[in-house]
Structure formats: structure tokens, C-alpha cells
Amino acid sequence: MNRSQPYDAIIVGGGLTGLGAAYRLGRGNKRVLLLERSQSLGGLASCYAFDKFSIERYYHHAFFDDEALFQTIRELGLEDEVTSCPASTGYLVDGKIYGLDTPVDLLRFRPLGIWGIIRLGLLVLKIKSIRDEEAYDEVPLKPWVIKHAGERVYETFFAPLLRAKFGRLAEEISAAWFIARIKLRSNRGVKGEKLVYMRSSFQRLHDALAREVNKMVEVRCGVEVEGIELEEGRVSGVRVGEELEQASAVISTVAPRILRGLVPGASQEFLEGLHRVAYQGTICMTLALRKSLTSIYWLNIGDKEIPFGLLLEHNNLYDNPAYGHRLVYLASYVQDSGEPLWQLTDKELLERYVDGLGKLFGVTGADVEWWRVSRTLYSAPLYRTGFLRDRLPVKSMVPGLYTAGMFNSYPERSINDSLRLGFEAANLVMGKEEAE
């Protein structure tokens, strides 16, 4: 390969967004370099590999209207891997689990009382009637919910969920995000929701995509990007160690605040825009248990004394006989690395989480066959007031620089959005205006 010849594009980051961009550009016969800091591709979509199965390091599922995902599955010939999974959702409050799958379930949510249930139902109907949620981008969520549903509905039903997801920043969240999220997840049938999973885990998608990408573009793992070079305000290449790799375009899939340190020569306006996009982190523990905890797949935890805010019993979504045990995810969100939970060692975290499971379900350390912990400080954007105003466009104000990743996703991150945004960035590099 002629190393003196500039690349058509350099992609920074080898997660699903970077892989999607490389896949689309490679199919467009572009000369591409994909750079990944870790020793392997996949990012937050990567899996733990065992002898007989793989399981995602961070829980994943998909939806039937995920167009970019299903397009990719068809192109890679993975249709037989897709399976439809009934997915139950619940809410644990005061030691009792309440279903959240159907309107009838909401009628049984006793902590609200009958008048609170009525007001919650009216709030959902109001939200469904809103056509332009972006108009609420600057509106704080808490006073908006209290205005339309009352303080009891907010404090009893929504506040524990928001605290679990956003911690001390819960009251900074935008009503626009809340409205969009409720509209997205409330369109369920009378029997609840069905989700999509892949029988061999999403590792199968990642592996097939990575194989195709490796055939078409140059991939380097275990390399550190030192900076993105600009020449007269335009992208000219990427510094990797002491080398400058020249390119007419760069697609960055890293968190905006990381990107900020890679482009010190960019305009102050651009750098300030990157700084405004805030992230939160996730601690995700996977345990193999010798007993089932609940029949619910996705269980929100409304008890602030429990150290995790979300429990997913994966077998209740898809039960692979090869698992051998009940696979359970426990997830906590953190706003920065200074939080006490983040400071715990993995072993200390296990003790804390098992203690929480003990209070809820009588679990002891003897019930745990194996366990793993994954952590990241960049798992999802914070949907604070002004998020839509500050959201980064894929085509940035720096000529030749494109930004694609979860920070563009709205109202929630997903495998589909990761691929879609990678495709969109690639299409823009190729001179197309939008994703196909």
C-alpha cells in the first residue's frame, strides 16, 4: 500500500458506529483507515466470550423498526440469527414488583392511589398528543410533570426512576427528552412489548461486520490517536504516535470531550460546543446465578438504598440452554469518576451488589457461579435542558471533520442508532446528504 497517498477518510474509534462508517465507505471503494485504541473492535457492543456462548458486556436488545440494523443483518446474511422475544418490564417499589407492560398493569400500581393512577394516565395521553417535543427542550422536566400530573405522581413514580438514571442531575433533565421517551416506549400492544435479540448474541453481528470491514479497509487496533491535524482550518490528517496519516476527511466516534483534546487548533466556538455535550458513565455487572430472581426481564429499582438502579434477567428475554445459569445484569449510572460507587474495586462492588440482591431476593454469595464487571465513563449523553440546541451535527463546522456516536442519539441510544449514524457520516463523506 502506498503510505504517501492520503486516505479518503480516517475513522477514530472501532465501536459499532466506526464499523458502520468503515463498512459503508469500504463498499463505496474508498481508501479508509480505521483506528481503535483497544486491542479489539466492538466498543460498548463487545461481549464476554465463553466456551459455548457469548454474552454482551453491556445489555443489548433491538426493536422491529430498527431499519439500519435490519439492513445490515440482511446484507451480512444473518437473518436466521434474529429472534423475537416477549419482554416484560417491571418496577420494584417497597419490596413489591409491579408490572409496567400494559394499561391494566398501571391500574394495579398501588403506591400512586387511584387518583394518582388517573393523573398518570392523563399525562401519558397528553404526551401522546404533543407533536413537537423539541419545543420543550429548554423546559425542566420536574416542574413540567408536577404542573400536569401533580407532585405525588412525580415523587412516587418518576423521581426514583430519574434518580437511578441521572443521579444528582435528575432535576436538570429536559421535558423534551422525557416526552420523546414516553412517546417512544408507550406504543405497546395490550400484551406488552416484543424485542429483537440474536441467538448467538450481538457478537455475531459484530464479528460478521468486522470481517467485512477488514476485507475492505485498513484496520489498526491498539493505537493511540494523538491528535487531528488541521491545515488552514480544514482537516488534513491524524497523528498516530510520531506519524501523520493524511486524509481529506476524519470521522470521530469518540465522546465530544475526548475529541476536544484532539483538535486544539479548532475554533473556540467548536471547542465550546464539544464541551457542552455532557456524558454519564455506567457500571454494569453480569452475574451467573444458580436461581431465578423474577419472571421480569427489565426491572427498574425504586429503592434508593439498593446500589443498582436496574436489574435485567437476560434469560427472561432469551434463554439459551448453553448459558447453564440465570444471567443477570445489574446496572448503575454515575456522573463522574469521583462518585463513591465508581471508586469501589470490582470485588467491593460485587459485595455491595450481592448485598442488594440479598435484601431484595435473598441471594447470597453461594448463589453466584461467576461474575464480570464492565465500566465506562462515556456510556450515554445527559439529556439536560438545551440538549437538542447543543446536539452536535454529524457534519461539523470544521471542514472535513464528522462527529458520529451516541451523543447524536435521541431520545435513547441503541445498536440501530450506532449503525445509522456511522452510515450517515460515511454518506456525507461520499457527498451524499443523508443515510440511505
Protein backbone atom coordinates (compact mmCIF):
# COMPACT_ATOMS: atom_id res chain seq x y z
CA MET A 1 0.00 0.00 0.00
CA ASN A 2 1.29 3.46 -0.89
CA ARG A 3 1.52 5.11 2.55
CA SER A 4 2.19 8.51 0.96
CA GLN A 5 -1.22 8.51 -0.66
CA PRO A 6 -3.81 10.30 1.54
CA TYR A 7 -6.77 8.32 2.80
CA ASP A 8 -10.26 9.29 1.70
CA ALA A 9 -11.23 9.02 5.37
CA ILE A 10 -9.76 8.10 8.73
CA ILE A 11 -12.19 6.79 11.34
CA VAL A 12 -11.33 7.29 15.01
CA GLY A 13 -12.96 4.58 17.11
CA GLY A 14 -13.82 0.97 16.27
CA GLY A 15 -17.16 0.56 18.01
CA LEU A 16 -20.34 -0.12 16.02
CA THR A 17 -20.50 3.45 14.71
CA GLY A 18 -16.93 3.29 13.45
CA LEU A 19 -17.50 -0.16 11.98
CA GLY A 20 -20.68 1.04 10.29
CA ALA A 21 -18.88 4.00 8.75
CA ALA A 22 -15.98 1.81 7.59
CA TYR A 23 -18.38 -0.76 6.13
CA ARG A 24 -20.27 1.83 4.13
CA LEU A 25 -17.13 3.62 2.92
CA GLY A 26 -15.45 0.32 2.04
CA ARG A 27 -18.42 -0.68 -0.06
CA GLY A 28 -18.09 2.69 -1.74
CA ASN A 29 -14.50 1.77 -2.73
CA LYS A 30 -12.98 4.50 -0.56
CA ARG A 31 -9.49 4.25 0.88
CA VAL A 32 -10.06 4.16 4.63
CA LEU A 33 -8.05 3.76 7.83
CA LEU A 34 -9.89 2.66 10.98
CA LEU A 35 -8.09 3.35 14.27
CA GLU A 36 -9.08 1.74 17.58
CA ARG A 37 -7.41 2.34 20.94
CA SER A 38 -8.15 -1.07 22.45
CA GLN A 39 -6.82 -4.36 21.16
CA SER A 40 -10.12 -5.38 19.60
CA LEU A 41 -13.08 -3.86 17.78
CA GLY A 42 -16.62 -3.55 19.11
CA GLY A 43 -16.54 -0.89 21.82
CA LEU A 44 -19.60 -0.96 24.06
CA ALA A 45 -21.14 -3.65 21.83
CA SER A 46 -18.42 -6.20 22.63
CA CYS A 47 -19.11 -9.43 24.51
CA TYR A 48 -17.71 -11.78 27.09
CA ALA A 49 -16.74 -15.00 25.28
CA PHE A 50 -17.20 -18.38 26.97
CA ASP A 51 -16.70 -21.89 25.59
CA LYS A 52 -20.30 -22.38 24.46
CA PHE A 53 -21.75 -18.87 24.27
CA SER A 54 -21.10 -15.14 24.24
CA ILE A 55 -22.98 -12.51 26.22
CA GLU A 56 -22.88 -8.74 25.87
CA ARG A 57 -20.74 -6.83 28.36
CA TYR A 58 -23.49 -4.19 28.45
CA TYR A 59 -27.07 -5.40 27.97
CA HIS A 60 -28.44 -5.02 24.42
CA HIS A 61 -31.62 -5.65 22.53
CA ALA A 62 -33.22 -4.15 19.43
CA PHE A 63 -36.60 -3.14 18.02
CA PHE A 64 -38.51 -4.33 14.97
CA ASP A 65 -38.41 -0.91 13.29
CA ASP A 66 -34.59 -0.63 13.51
CA GLU A 67 -34.04 -0.08 9.78
CA ALA A 68 -30.25 0.35 9.76
CA LEU A 69 -29.77 -2.75 11.90
CA PHE A 70 -32.01 -4.98 9.79
CA GLN A 71 -30.49 -3.66 6.56
CA THR A 72 -27.07 -4.68 7.86
CA ILE A 73 -28.33 -8.07 9.06
CA ARG A 74 -29.74 -8.78 5.59
CA GLU A 75 -26.56 -7.69 3.83
CA LEU A 76 -24.46 -9.92 6.10
CA GLY A 77 -26.81 -12.90 5.69
CA LEU A 78 -27.67 -13.14 9.39
CA GLU A 79 -31.46 -13.27 9.14
CA ASP A 80 -31.63 -16.72 10.74
CA GLU A 81 -29.92 -15.34 13.84
CA VAL A 82 -32.77 -12.93 14.61
CA THR A 83 -35.39 -13.96 17.14
CA SER A 84 -38.49 -12.26 18.52
CA CYS A 85 -38.61 -12.02 22.29
CA PRO A 86 -41.53 -11.04 24.54
CA ALA A 87 -40.06 -8.55 27.01
CA SER A 88 -41.67 -7.83 30.34
CA THR A 89 -40.96 -4.65 32.29
CA GLY A 90 -41.46 -4.04 35.97
CA TYR A 91 -40.93 -1.57 38.79
CA LEU A 92 -39.81 -2.66 42.26
CA VAL A 93 -41.14 -0.33 44.96
CA ASP A 94 -41.17 -1.03 48.71
CA GLY A 95 -40.19 -4.65 48.12
CA LYS A 96 -43.04 -5.35 45.67
CA ILE A 97 -42.76 -5.78 41.90
CA TYR A 98 -45.36 -4.06 39.72
CA GLY A 99 -45.72 -4.80 36.02
CA LEU A 100 -45.44 -1.93 33.56
CA ASP A 101 -46.33 -3.72 30.33
CA THR A 102 -49.98 -2.82 29.82
CA PRO A 103 -52.50 -0.15 30.84
CA VAL A 104 -54.03 -2.70 33.20
CA ASP A 105 -50.68 -3.04 34.95
CA LEU A 106 -50.66 0.69 35.69
CA LEU A 107 -54.09 0.38 37.30
CA ARG A 108 -52.50 -2.02 39.81
CA PHE A 109 -49.69 0.37 40.82
CA ARG A 110 -50.92 0.86 44.37
CA PRO A 111 -48.30 3.39 45.60
CA LEU A 112 -49.98 6.06 43.43
CA GLY A 113 -53.53 5.52 44.61
CA ILE A 114 -56.48 5.71 42.24
CA TRP A 115 -56.31 9.48 41.71
CA GLY A 116 -52.59 9.30 41.03
CA ILE A 117 -53.13 6.50 38.51
CA ILE A 118 -55.75 8.60 36.74
CA ARG A 119 -53.41 11.60 36.60
CA LEU A 120 -50.57 9.42 35.31
CA GLY A 121 -52.84 8.08 32.56
CA LEU A 122 -53.91 11.60 31.61
CA LEU A 123 -50.25 12.66 31.48
CA VAL A 124 -49.43 9.84 29.04
CA LEU A 125 -52.39 10.84 26.86
CA LYS A 126 -51.23 14.45 26.89
CA ILE A 127 -47.72 13.42 25.91
CA LYS A 128 -49.02 11.35 23.00
CA SER A 129 -50.86 14.42 21.71
CA ILE A 130 -47.70 16.57 21.62
CA ARG A 131 -46.42 16.83 18.07
CA ASP A 132 -43.29 18.92 18.61
CA GLU A 133 -41.40 17.75 21.70
CA GLU A 134 -38.40 19.84 20.66
CA ALA A 135 -40.35 22.91 21.75
CA TYR A 136 -39.82 21.67 25.34
CA ASP A 137 -36.02 21.45 25.06
CA GLU A 138 -35.43 24.34 27.49
CA VAL A 139 -38.18 23.22 29.90
CA PRO A 140 -37.03 21.43 33.09
CA LEU A 141 -38.75 18.07 33.50
CA LYS A 142 -39.68 18.13 37.19
CA PRO A 143 -41.86 21.28 37.30
CA TRP A 144 -43.46 20.31 33.99
CA VAL A 145 -44.57 16.90 35.30
CA ILE A 146 -45.76 18.39 38.59
CA LYS A 147 -47.77 21.00 36.71
CA HIS A 148 -49.56 18.40 34.57
CA ALA A 149 -49.76 15.38 36.89
CA GLY A 150 -49.12 16.59 40.41
CA GLU A 151 -46.29 16.23 42.91
CA ARG A 152 -47.34 12.79 44.10
CA VAL A 153 -47.10 11.31 40.59
CA TYR A 154 -43.67 12.86 40.12
CA GLU A 155 -42.23 11.91 43.52
CA THR A 156 -43.77 8.43 43.72
CA PHE A 157 -43.49 7.22 40.13
CA PHE A 158 -40.93 9.25 38.17
CA ALA A 159 -38.43 10.60 40.71
CA PRO A 160 -36.98 7.18 41.72
CA LEU A 161 -36.52 6.24 38.05
CA LEU A 162 -34.85 9.54 37.23
CA ARG A 163 -32.56 9.39 40.26
CA ALA A 164 -31.48 5.88 39.29
CA LYS A 165 -30.70 7.01 35.75
CA PHE A 166 -29.32 10.52 36.24
CA GLY A 167 -28.28 10.65 39.90
CA ARG A 168 -27.79 14.14 41.34
CA LEU A 169 -28.51 15.68 37.91
CA ALA A 170 -32.05 14.28 37.69
CA GLU A 171 -33.66 17.70 38.11
CA GLU A 172 -31.66 19.13 35.20
CA ILE A 173 -33.23 16.79 32.66
CA SER A 174 -35.26 18.23 29.81
CA ALA A 175 -39.00 17.75 29.41
CA ALA A 176 -38.33 17.28 25.68
CA TRP A 177 -36.34 14.09 26.33
CA PHE A 178 -38.97 12.82 28.73
CA ILE A 179 -41.81 13.45 26.27
CA ALA A 180 -39.94 11.80 23.40
CA ARG A 181 -39.02 8.80 25.54
CA ILE A 182 -42.57 8.25 26.82
CA LYS A 183 -43.96 8.51 23.28
CA LEU A 184 -41.40 6.01 22.04
CA ARG A 185 -41.97 3.39 24.74
CA SER A 186 -45.71 3.74 25.34
CA ASN A 187 -46.78 2.44 21.92
CA ARG A 188 -47.19 -1.11 23.15
CA GLY A 189 -49.93 -3.56 22.42
CA VAL A 190 -52.34 -4.91 25.01
CA LYS A 191 -49.97 -7.85 25.56
CA GLY A 192 -46.89 -5.73 26.09
CA GLU A 193 -43.73 -5.34 24.05
CA LYS A 194 -41.64 -7.63 21.86
CA LEU A 195 -37.95 -7.02 21.33
CA VAL A 196 -35.30 -8.39 18.99
CA TYR A 197 -32.26 -10.41 20.01
CA MET A 198 -29.70 -12.54 18.15
CA ARG A 199 -29.48 -16.20 19.10
CA SER A 200 -25.67 -16.16 19.25
CA SER A 201 -25.69 -12.69 20.86
CA PHE A 202 -24.89 -9.46 19.04
CA GLN A 203 -21.28 -10.69 18.92
CA ARG A 204 -22.35 -12.50 15.74
CA LEU A 205 -23.29 -9.18 14.13
CA HIS A 206 -20.09 -7.54 15.32
CA ASP A 207 -17.89 -10.40 14.08
CA ALA A 208 -19.52 -10.53 10.65
CA LEU A 209 -19.29 -6.76 10.27
CA ALA A 210 -15.65 -6.73 11.41
CA ARG A 211 -14.76 -9.47 8.90
CA GLU A 212 -16.23 -7.47 6.03
CA VAL A 213 -14.54 -4.27 7.19
CA ASN A 214 -11.16 -5.99 7.43
CA LYS A 215 -11.51 -7.12 3.81
CA MET A 216 -12.18 -3.59 2.56
CA VAL A 217 -10.25 -1.11 4.70
CA GLU A 218 -7.08 -0.88 6.76
CA VAL A 219 -7.70 -1.54 10.45
CA ARG A 220 -5.26 -0.83 13.27
CA CYS A 221 -6.07 -1.77 16.87
CA GLY A 222 -4.09 -0.92 19.96
CA VAL A 223 -3.09 2.50 18.65
CA GLU A 224 -3.43 5.88 20.34
CA VAL A 225 -4.61 8.86 18.31
CA GLU A 226 -2.53 11.85 19.39
CA GLY A 227 -4.43 14.50 17.51
CA ILE A 228 -6.39 15.51 14.44
CA GLU A 229 -4.40 17.88 12.26
CA LEU A 230 -5.93 20.97 10.69
CA GLU A 231 -4.47 22.98 7.84
CA GLU A 232 -5.95 26.43 7.29
CA GLY A 233 -8.94 25.36 9.37
CA ARG A 234 -9.58 22.15 7.42
CA VAL A 235 -8.85 18.53 8.37
CA SER A 236 -5.58 17.31 6.87
CA GLY A 237 -4.92 14.09 8.78
CA VAL A 238 -4.46 12.27 12.08
CA ARG A 239 -1.34 11.96 14.21
CA VAL A 240 -0.71 8.39 15.40
CA GLY A 241 2.40 8.31 17.55
CA GLU A 242 5.06 10.15 15.61
CA GLU A 243 3.39 9.59 12.25
CA LEU A 244 0.95 11.82 10.42
CA GLU A 245 -1.62 9.89 8.40
CA GLN A 246 -3.04 12.23 5.78
CA ALA A 247 -6.72 12.25 4.94
CA SER A 248 -9.28 14.51 3.35
CA ALA A 249 -11.89 13.56 5.97
CA VAL A 250 -11.96 12.31 9.56
CA ILE A 251 -14.93 10.65 11.25
CA SER A 252 -14.65 10.85 15.03
CA THR A 253 -16.82 8.47 17.04
CA VAL A 254 -15.28 9.28 20.43
CA ALA A 255 -17.05 11.27 23.15
CA PRO A 256 -17.06 15.03 22.38
CA ARG A 257 -14.97 15.94 25.42
CA ILE A 258 -12.31 13.45 24.31
CA LEU A 259 -12.44 14.88 20.80
CA ARG A 260 -11.93 18.33 22.28
CA GLY A 261 -8.44 17.33 23.37
CA LEU A 262 -7.61 16.05 19.88
CA VAL A 263 -8.39 19.27 17.97
CA PRO A 264 -6.84 22.13 19.98
CA GLY A 265 -6.40 24.11 16.77
CA ALA A 266 -10.14 24.27 16.06
CA SER A 267 -12.17 27.42 16.63
CA GLN A 268 -13.23 28.36 20.14
CA GLU A 269 -16.86 28.12 19.08
CA PHE A 270 -16.39 24.50 18.01
CA LEU A 271 -14.46 23.57 21.16
CA GLU A 272 -17.09 25.13 23.41
CA GLY A 273 -19.78 23.17 21.56
CA LEU A 274 -17.91 19.93 22.28
CA HIS A 275 -17.63 20.85 25.95
CA ARG A 276 -21.37 21.42 26.31
CA VAL A 277 -22.20 17.81 25.41
CA ALA A 278 -22.04 16.05 28.77
CA TYR A 279 -21.88 12.30 29.30
CA GLN A 280 -22.60 9.97 32.16
CA GLY A 281 -20.96 6.67 32.97
CA THR A 282 -22.19 3.15 33.61
CA ILE A 283 -21.13 0.34 35.86
CA CYS A 284 -22.56 -2.93 34.56
CA MET A 285 -22.14 -6.22 36.41
CA THR A 286 -23.06 -9.55 34.83
CA LEU A 287 -23.68 -12.47 37.18
CA ALA A 288 -24.43 -16.12 36.54
CA LEU A 289 -26.82 -17.17 39.31
CA ARG A 290 -27.97 -20.62 40.33
CA LYS A 291 -31.56 -19.47 40.75
CA SER A 292 -34.07 -17.20 39.04
CA LEU A 293 -34.95 -13.90 40.68
CA THR A 294 -38.10 -12.87 38.85
CA SER A 295 -40.14 -13.51 35.70
CA ILE A 296 -39.49 -9.89 34.62
CA TYR A 297 -36.83 -9.06 32.01
CA TRP A 298 -36.32 -5.34 32.71
CA LEU A 299 -36.82 -4.42 36.35
CA ASN A 300 -36.49 -0.79 37.47
CA ILE A 301 -35.43 -0.48 41.11
CA GLY A 302 -37.24 2.28 43.01
CA ASP A 303 -35.44 1.80 46.34
CA LYS A 304 -32.63 4.34 46.78
CA GLU A 305 -30.99 2.10 49.40
CA ILE A 306 -30.23 -0.50 46.71
CA PRO A 307 -26.89 0.26 45.00
CA PHE A 308 -28.10 -0.55 41.45
CA GLY A 309 -30.98 1.08 39.64
CA LEU A 310 -31.67 -1.58 37.04
CA LEU A 311 -31.85 -5.37 37.06
CA LEU A 312 -32.18 -7.40 33.86
CA GLU A 313 -32.65 -11.16 33.99
CA HIS A 314 -31.43 -11.94 30.49
CA ASN A 315 -32.95 -15.44 30.35
CA ASN A 316 -36.38 -13.79 30.53
CA LEU A 317 -35.58 -12.16 27.17
CA TYR A 318 -33.74 -15.06 25.54
CA ASP A 319 -32.91 -18.33 27.27
CA ASN A 320 -30.03 -20.13 25.57
CA PRO A 321 -29.57 -23.64 27.05
CA ALA A 322 -25.81 -23.11 26.74
CA TYR A 323 -25.92 -20.44 29.45
CA GLY A 324 -26.33 -23.09 32.12
CA HIS A 325 -27.36 -20.46 34.70
CA ARG A 326 -29.54 -17.39 35.08
CA LEU A 327 -27.65 -14.44 33.59
CA VAL A 328 -28.43 -11.20 35.40
CA TYR A 329 -27.27 -7.66 34.66
CA LEU A 330 -27.07 -5.07 37.43
CA ALA A 331 -26.50 -1.50 36.24
CA SER A 332 -25.71 1.78 37.95
CA TYR A 333 -25.15 5.19 36.37
CA VAL A 334 -22.51 7.64 37.58
CA GLN A 335 -21.98 11.27 36.66
CA ASP A 336 -18.21 11.35 37.22
CA SER A 337 -15.29 9.25 38.45
CA GLY A 338 -15.43 10.83 41.91
CA GLU A 339 -18.66 9.06 42.90
CA PRO A 340 -18.29 6.52 45.73
CA LEU A 341 -19.65 3.61 43.66
CA TRP A 342 -17.10 4.21 40.90
CA GLN A 343 -14.29 4.27 43.47
CA LEU A 344 -15.03 0.69 44.63
CA THR A 345 -12.89 -2.17 43.40
CA ASP A 346 -14.66 -4.85 41.38
CA LYS A 347 -14.61 -7.18 44.40
CA GLU A 348 -16.06 -4.48 46.66
CA LEU A 349 -18.70 -3.79 44.04
CA LEU A 350 -19.65 -7.47 43.95
CA GLU A 351 -20.12 -7.49 47.72
CA ARG A 352 -22.25 -4.35 47.58
CA TYR A 353 -24.41 -5.66 44.73
CA VAL A 354 -24.87 -9.13 46.22
CA ASP A 355 -25.91 -7.47 49.48
CA GLY A 356 -28.54 -5.54 47.50
CA LEU A 357 -29.74 -8.75 45.83
CA GLY A 358 -29.89 -10.34 49.25
CA LYS A 359 -32.23 -7.65 50.54
CA LEU A 360 -34.49 -7.99 47.51
CA PHE A 361 -34.37 -11.71 46.67
CA GLY A 362 -32.42 -13.50 49.41
CA VAL A 363 -29.34 -14.01 47.19
CA THR A 364 -26.02 -14.90 48.86
CA GLY A 365 -22.51 -15.25 47.51
CA ALA A 366 -23.08 -19.01 47.28
CA ASP A 367 -25.68 -18.37 44.55
CA VAL A 368 -23.10 -16.72 42.26
CA GLU A 369 -21.37 -19.06 39.80
CA TRP A 370 -19.31 -16.35 38.05
CA TRP A 371 -19.37 -12.60 37.61
CA ARG A 372 -17.86 -9.88 35.43
CA VAL A 373 -17.76 -6.06 35.65
CA SER A 374 -17.54 -3.54 32.81
CA ARG A 375 -17.27 0.20 33.35
CA THR A 376 -17.20 3.27 31.17
CA LEU A 377 -17.44 6.99 31.90
CA TYR A 378 -18.86 7.53 28.40
CA SER A 379 -21.95 5.36 28.09
CA ALA A 380 -24.67 7.89 27.25
CA PRO A 381 -25.26 11.61 26.90
CA LEU A 382 -27.03 13.57 29.62
CA TYR A 383 -30.31 14.84 28.23
CA ARG A 384 -30.29 18.10 30.15
CA THR A 385 -32.24 21.21 29.19
CA GLY A 386 -30.77 22.58 25.98
CA PHE A 387 -29.58 19.18 24.78
CA LEU A 388 -31.28 19.50 21.40
CA ARG A 389 -29.92 23.01 20.99
CA ASP A 390 -26.40 21.80 21.74
CA ARG A 391 -26.55 18.42 19.97
CA LEU A 392 -23.68 18.08 17.51
CA PRO A 393 -24.46 17.75 13.81
CA VAL A 394 -22.75 14.82 12.08
CA LYS A 395 -21.21 17.25 9.63
CA SER A 396 -19.29 19.60 11.92
CA MET A 397 -18.37 23.24 11.37
CA VAL A 398 -14.75 22.11 10.81
CA PRO A 399 -14.43 21.26 7.11
CA GLY A 400 -13.65 17.57 6.67
CA LEU A 401 -14.50 16.61 10.27
CA TYR A 402 -17.55 14.48 11.04
CA THR A 403 -18.79 13.52 14.51
CA ALA A 404 -20.94 10.43 14.95
CA GLY A 405 -21.80 8.49 18.07
CA MET A 406 -24.20 8.11 20.96
CA PHE A 407 -24.01 11.84 21.56
CA ASN A 408 -26.09 12.23 18.39
CA SER A 409 -28.68 9.65 19.52
CA TYR A 410 -32.09 10.78 20.72
CA PRO A 411 -34.12 10.03 22.75
CA GLU A 412 -32.16 6.88 23.64
CA ARG A 413 -29.02 5.16 22.43
CA SER A 414 -29.29 1.89 20.52
CA ILE A 415 -27.45 -0.54 18.26
CA ASN A 416 -29.55 0.76 15.39
CA ASP A 417 -28.56 4.38 16.02
CA SER A 418 -24.90 3.40 16.27
CA LEU A 419 -25.02 1.88 12.79
CA ARG A 420 -27.30 4.56 11.33
CA LEU A 421 -25.02 7.38 12.44
CA GLY A 422 -21.97 5.59 11.06
CA PHE A 423 -23.75 5.19 7.74
CA GLU A 424 -24.79 8.84 7.75
CA ALA A 425 -21.24 10.04 8.38
CA ALA A 426 -19.92 7.80 5.60
CA ASN A 427 -22.54 9.01 3.16
CA LEU A 428 -21.69 12.62 3.94
CA VAL A 429 -18.01 11.89 3.29
CA MET A 430 -19.04 10.41 -0.06
CA GLY A 431 -21.05 13.52 -0.88
CA LYS A 432 -24.49 12.20 -0.07
CA GLU A 433 -26.80 14.28 2.07
CA GLU A 434 -28.37 11.59 4.21
CA ALA A 435 -28.22 7.93 5.06
CA GLU A 436 -29.69 5.54 2.52
